[in-house]
């Protein structure tokens, strides 16, 4: 019996040594084998679907594309490549079991432009997780389990253009990634669809340029219904931004009513079944005399060429970057139109024709100009009010004098001449228009007060301009460039109507 036990223990010991040897061998990456485990085509190496747990060792320094998708890799540390891979521009790691990526994992791949980490098991993006990838343009992180993103995870990634974070567990919209274009200045696509975001920073999202909003995908989130959300997405839809047009049916929100939660389309919030939200319309631009005004051509794509046409159908020929003089209408380097100083004649609808390689777009900006400077606006109102009160008081005094003055002794026969002289004196004091000529009794009893009509052109007076309709404009003056539409609507502000006259006339 003892002999059999010893023999069994010997076999167990040998089996344990075998497992230990296999574990040691597994902990070290197997060398690259282009004949059996991988496919090597010049500078492209594909080791997909080979059940690898580690990155193969011995990768050549000239590798430009590495495909390790559909394997069992769990962690990615800096040791995965002992030699720099400066020519590597595409790294595919999708459909693995990666739970951790160290901050220095990409320190030896500085020229990487495309990184695919989708369909893994990442739970968070730690501090400076991708900061070493200064030349990265596309980063795919969709279909992970990410709940937290450190604010410095994407620092130094100044060339990143597309970031895919859909199908994760994010509960907060990462506004710092798109705000002011400071962190990721080239970012044109941010996909956070199908996460767990309930509330959006609507007021901050409204300030984003259209070329960012065009690639900001929010569908599939359990958003909370409100009119601000409706206004934001409706505005994007009117502008035909891809983020809302392409996924209109998937933009839904949760409406809480009578202790029930209903999921409805965001675009139905203006109906009786929603919140009766009012339709949002584009607002024009307002300015005061003497200001410098900049009209933005908010295009859906970045880097388009802009051509501006004034309300008078005149093409702006000023070259971009030209130094403005005392009076100029110039196109800035970013395609915006600058007018300095602004005048009343500059009011109206300006048209921006933007054209690029993949898109042509026409935008309209309506400019209203107040006929006074901003710093004297309150003084103007006070002066008008004071003059109006004085005018009304004068009218009351004149009416009292004309109709309520009792008949004195000069009304009697024989005293007529003296009364007329006295009346002439009183008339010169109370009447706004002095008159020292004597009149007959009949004329004195039929006096009336009249006010002069304001002149037709009141551009010099104080008051706001009031549009008075529109008119069709002909083709652009001085240019062969024609808009896509044969006619364009132009604003036609009317003249300013004076509320009162400063010169009452007694007739």
Foldseek 3Di string as FASTA:
>chain_A
DVVVVVVVVVVVVVVVVVVVVVVVVLVDAAADDCPPQWPDDPQEIEREPRQRQAQHEDRDLARAEYHHEHHAHAEQELVSYPAANANHAYYHHAHYAYAYQDLCSCLRHQNHAYYEHDHYAHAEQDANNPLSNLNYAEYHHDHYAYAYYDPRPQANNQRHAEYAHDHYAYQADPVVCQQPCPRHVNHQAYHHAQYAHAEDPLVRVVPGFLSNVLRYAHFNYQYAADLSVLQSLLVNVVVVRNNCPVCQVRQWYWYADPNDTDIDGSPCLCDPVHVVHDHDDDDAAEEEAFCKDKADPRDNHAPWAKWKAALQLATQPADEPDDDDQFDFHQHPRRITIGGRDDQVRFKKMWIWTDDDPDTDIDIHGYFYFLHHPVCVVVQVVVLVVLVVVVVVLQVQVVCVQPVDDDDPCVDPPNVVVVQQVVLVVCQVSPLDRDNDGDDPVVSNPKDKDADFDDQAPSVGGDGWAWDAWDWHAHRPPDPDGDPDRTDIMTHIGHDGDPGHSRMDMD
